[in-house]
Amino acid sequence: MTQSRRMSLIEAATNVIVGYALAVGLQIAVFPVFGIHIALGDKLAIGLAFTGVSLVRGYVLRRMFGRWR
């Protein structure tokens, strides 16, 4: 059974939202342990950068594995 385009979009959006929340949440929890203290806005921007890289990585890997099938 194949996934509909709508469900693929919902899955991708959910993945991005969860990834972003995890990135920011981990920064809030881990940065102070290493003595890194930055504003929440900066943490949100760093999380956005990590999320962008993750999106590109996921897309490239998915395309590579699709070619290997």
N, C-alpha and C. Protein backbone atom coordinates (compact mmCIF):
# COMPACT_ATOMS: atom_id res chain seq x y z
N MET A 1 0.85 -1.18 0.00
CA MET A 1 0.00 0.00 0.00
C MET A 1 0.88 1.23 0.00
N THR A 2 0.60 2.17 -0.89
CA THR A 2 1.40 3.40 -0.95
C THR A 2 0.73 4.50 -0.15
N GLN A 3 1.54 5.42 0.25
CA GLN A 3 1.05 6.55 1.05
C GLN A 3 0.54 7.64 0.12
N SER A 4 -0.58 8.25 0.45
CA SER A 4 -1.11 9.34 -0.37
C SER A 4 -0.21 10.57 -0.24
N ARG A 5 -0.32 11.45 -1.20
CA ARG A 5 0.48 12.69 -1.15
C ARG A 5 0.14 13.51 0.08
N ARG A 6 -1.14 13.54 0.42
CA ARG A 6 -1.56 14.30 1.60
C ARG A 6 -0.91 13.74 2.87
N MET A 7 -0.93 12.42 3.00
CA MET A 7 -0.32 11.80 4.19
C MET A 7 1.19 11.97 4.19
N SER A 8 1.81 11.95 3.02
CA SER A 8 3.25 12.21 2.94
C SER A 8 3.56 13.61 3.43
N LEU A 9 2.74 14.58 3.04
CA LEU A 9 2.93 15.95 3.47
C LEU A 9 2.74 16.07 4.98
N ILE A 10 1.71 15.42 5.51
CA ILE A 10 1.47 15.45 6.95
C ILE A 10 2.63 14.82 7.70
N GLU A 11 3.13 13.68 7.19
CA GLU A 11 4.28 13.03 7.83
C GLU A 11 5.51 13.93 7.82
N ALA A 12 5.79 14.53 6.67
CA ALA A 12 6.97 15.40 6.55
C ALA A 12 6.85 16.61 7.47
N ALA A 13 5.68 17.22 7.51
CA ALA A 13 5.48 18.39 8.38
C ALA A 13 5.63 18.00 9.85
N THR A 14 5.07 16.87 10.23
CA THR A 14 5.18 16.40 11.61
C THR A 14 6.64 16.14 11.96
N ASN A 15 7.37 15.53 11.05
CA ASN A 15 8.79 15.26 11.26
C ASN A 15 9.57 16.56 11.49
N VAL A 16 9.28 17.57 10.70
CA VAL A 16 9.97 18.86 10.84
C VAL A 16 9.62 19.52 12.17
N ILE A 17 8.36 19.52 12.53
CA ILE A 17 7.94 20.17 13.78
C ILE A 17 8.55 19.46 14.99
N VAL A 18 8.50 18.14 14.99
CA VAL A 18 9.06 17.38 16.11
C VAL A 18 10.58 17.58 16.17
N GLY A 19 11.25 17.55 15.01
CA GLY A 19 12.70 17.76 14.97
C GLY A 19 13.09 19.13 15.50
N TYR A 20 12.33 20.15 15.11
CA TYR A 20 12.62 21.51 15.59
C TYR A 20 12.43 21.60 17.10
N ALA A 21 11.34 21.05 17.60
CA ALA A 21 11.08 21.09 19.05
C ALA A 21 12.18 20.34 19.81
N LEU A 22 12.61 19.20 19.29
CA LEU A 22 13.70 18.46 19.92
C LEU A 22 15.00 19.25 19.92
N ALA A 23 15.32 19.87 18.79
CA ALA A 23 16.57 20.64 18.69
C ALA A 23 16.59 21.77 19.72
N VAL A 24 15.50 22.51 19.80
CA VAL A 24 15.44 23.64 20.75
C VAL A 24 15.41 23.12 22.18
N GLY A 25 14.62 22.08 22.43
CA GLY A 25 14.54 21.53 23.78
C GLY A 25 15.88 21.01 24.27
N LEU A 26 16.61 20.33 23.40
CA LEU A 26 17.93 19.83 23.79
C LEU A 26 18.91 20.97 24.05
N GLN A 27 18.82 22.03 23.26
CA GLN A 27 19.69 23.17 23.52
C GLN A 27 19.40 23.78 24.89
N ILE A 28 18.13 23.90 25.20
CA ILE A 28 17.75 24.47 26.50
C ILE A 28 18.27 23.59 27.63
N ALA A 29 18.24 22.28 27.45
CA ALA A 29 18.68 21.36 28.50
C ALA A 29 20.19 21.19 28.55
N VAL A 30 20.84 21.15 27.38
CA VAL A 30 22.25 20.76 27.33
C VAL A 30 23.21 21.95 27.37
N PHE A 31 22.87 23.05 26.73
CA PHE A 31 23.79 24.18 26.67
C PHE A 31 24.27 24.63 28.05
N PRO A 32 23.38 24.79 29.04
CA PRO A 32 23.87 25.22 30.36
C PRO A 32 24.87 24.25 30.99
N VAL A 33 24.72 22.98 30.70
CA VAL A 33 25.65 21.98 31.25
C VAL A 33 27.08 22.27 30.77
N PHE A 34 27.20 22.81 29.56
CA PHE A 34 28.51 23.13 28.99
C PHE A 34 28.89 24.60 29.17
N GLY A 35 28.13 25.30 29.99
CA GLY A 35 28.45 26.70 30.26
C GLY A 35 28.07 27.64 29.13
N ILE A 36 27.18 27.21 28.26
CA ILE A 36 26.73 28.06 27.13
C ILE A 36 25.41 28.70 27.53
N HIS A 37 25.40 30.02 27.58
CA HIS A 37 24.20 30.75 27.97
C HIS A 37 23.90 31.76 26.88
N ILE A 38 22.83 31.49 26.12
CA ILE A 38 22.42 32.40 25.05
C ILE A 38 20.92 32.64 25.16
N ALA A 39 20.47 33.68 24.48
CA ALA A 39 19.06 34.06 24.54
C ALA A 39 18.18 33.02 23.83
N LEU A 40 16.92 32.94 24.22
CA LEU A 40 15.99 31.99 23.62
C LEU A 40 15.87 32.22 22.12
N GLY A 41 15.87 33.47 21.69
CA GLY A 41 15.79 33.77 20.26
C GLY A 41 16.94 33.17 19.48
N ASP A 42 18.12 33.20 20.07
CA ASP A 42 19.29 32.58 19.43
C ASP A 42 19.14 31.06 19.37
N LYS A 43 18.60 30.48 20.43
CA LYS A 43 18.37 29.03 20.44
C LYS A 43 17.36 28.64 19.36
N LEU A 44 16.32 29.46 19.20
CA LEU A 44 15.33 29.20 18.16
C LEU A 44 15.96 29.28 16.77
N ALA A 45 16.84 30.24 16.56
CA ALA A 45 17.51 30.38 15.27
C ALA A 45 18.45 29.21 15.00
N ILE A 46 19.18 28.79 16.02
CA ILE A 46 20.08 27.63 15.87
C ILE A 46 19.24 26.39 15.56
N GLY A 47 18.13 26.21 16.25
CA GLY A 47 17.24 25.08 15.98
C GLY A 47 16.73 25.10 14.56
N LEU A 48 16.43 26.28 14.05
CA LEU A 48 15.97 26.41 12.66
C LEU A 48 17.07 26.01 11.68
N ALA A 49 18.30 26.40 11.97
CA ALA A 49 19.42 26.01 11.11
C ALA A 49 19.61 24.49 11.12
N PHE A 50 19.56 23.88 12.30
CA PHE A 50 19.69 22.42 12.40
C PHE A 50 18.55 21.73 11.65
N THR A 51 17.35 22.28 11.77
CA THR A 51 16.20 21.69 11.09
C THR A 51 16.36 21.77 9.58
N GLY A 52 16.86 22.89 9.09
CA GLY A 52 17.10 23.03 7.64
C GLY A 52 18.10 22.00 7.13
N VAL A 53 19.18 21.84 7.87
CA VAL A 53 20.19 20.84 7.48
C VAL A 53 19.58 19.44 7.52
N SER A 54 18.78 19.17 8.52
CA SER A 54 18.15 17.86 8.64
C SER A 54 17.20 17.59 7.48
N LEU A 55 16.46 18.60 7.05
CA LEU A 55 15.57 18.44 5.91
C LEU A 55 16.34 18.08 4.64
N VAL A 56 17.42 18.80 4.40
CA VAL A 56 18.24 18.53 3.21
C VAL A 56 18.83 17.13 3.30
N ARG A 57 19.36 16.77 4.46
CA ARG A 57 19.94 15.45 4.65
C ARG A 57 18.90 14.35 4.40
N GLY A 58 17.73 14.51 4.96
CA GLY A 58 16.67 13.52 4.78
C GLY A 58 16.26 13.39 3.33
N TYR A 59 16.16 14.50 2.64
CA TYR A 59 15.78 14.48 1.23
C TYR A 59 16.83 13.76 0.40
N VAL A 60 18.10 14.12 0.59
CA VAL A 60 19.18 13.51 -0.19
C VAL A 60 19.26 12.01 0.07
N LEU A 61 19.19 11.60 1.32
CA LEU A 61 19.25 10.18 1.63
C LEU A 61 18.06 9.43 1.05
N ARG A 62 16.88 10.01 1.14
CA ARG A 62 15.69 9.37 0.59
C ARG A 62 15.83 9.18 -0.91
N ARG A 63 16.35 10.19 -1.60
CA ARG A 63 16.54 10.09 -3.06
C ARG A 63 17.60 9.05 -3.39
N MET A 64 18.68 9.00 -2.61
CA MET A 64 19.73 8.01 -2.86
C MET A 64 19.20 6.59 -2.69
N PHE A 65 18.48 6.35 -1.62
CA PHE A 65 17.93 5.02 -1.38
C PHE A 65 16.87 4.68 -2.42
N GLY A 66 16.14 5.68 -2.89
CA GLY A 66 15.15 5.45 -3.94
C GLY A 66 15.81 4.99 -5.24
N ARG A 67 16.96 5.50 -5.55
CA ARG A 67 17.69 5.09 -6.76
C ARG A 67 18.24 3.68 -6.63
N TRP A 68 18.55 3.26 -5.43
CA TRP A 68 19.15 1.93 -5.21
C TRP A 68 18.13 0.81 -5.28
N ARG A 69 16.84 1.16 -5.25
CA ARG A 69 15.79 0.12 -5.28
C ARG A 69 15.75 -0.59 -6.58
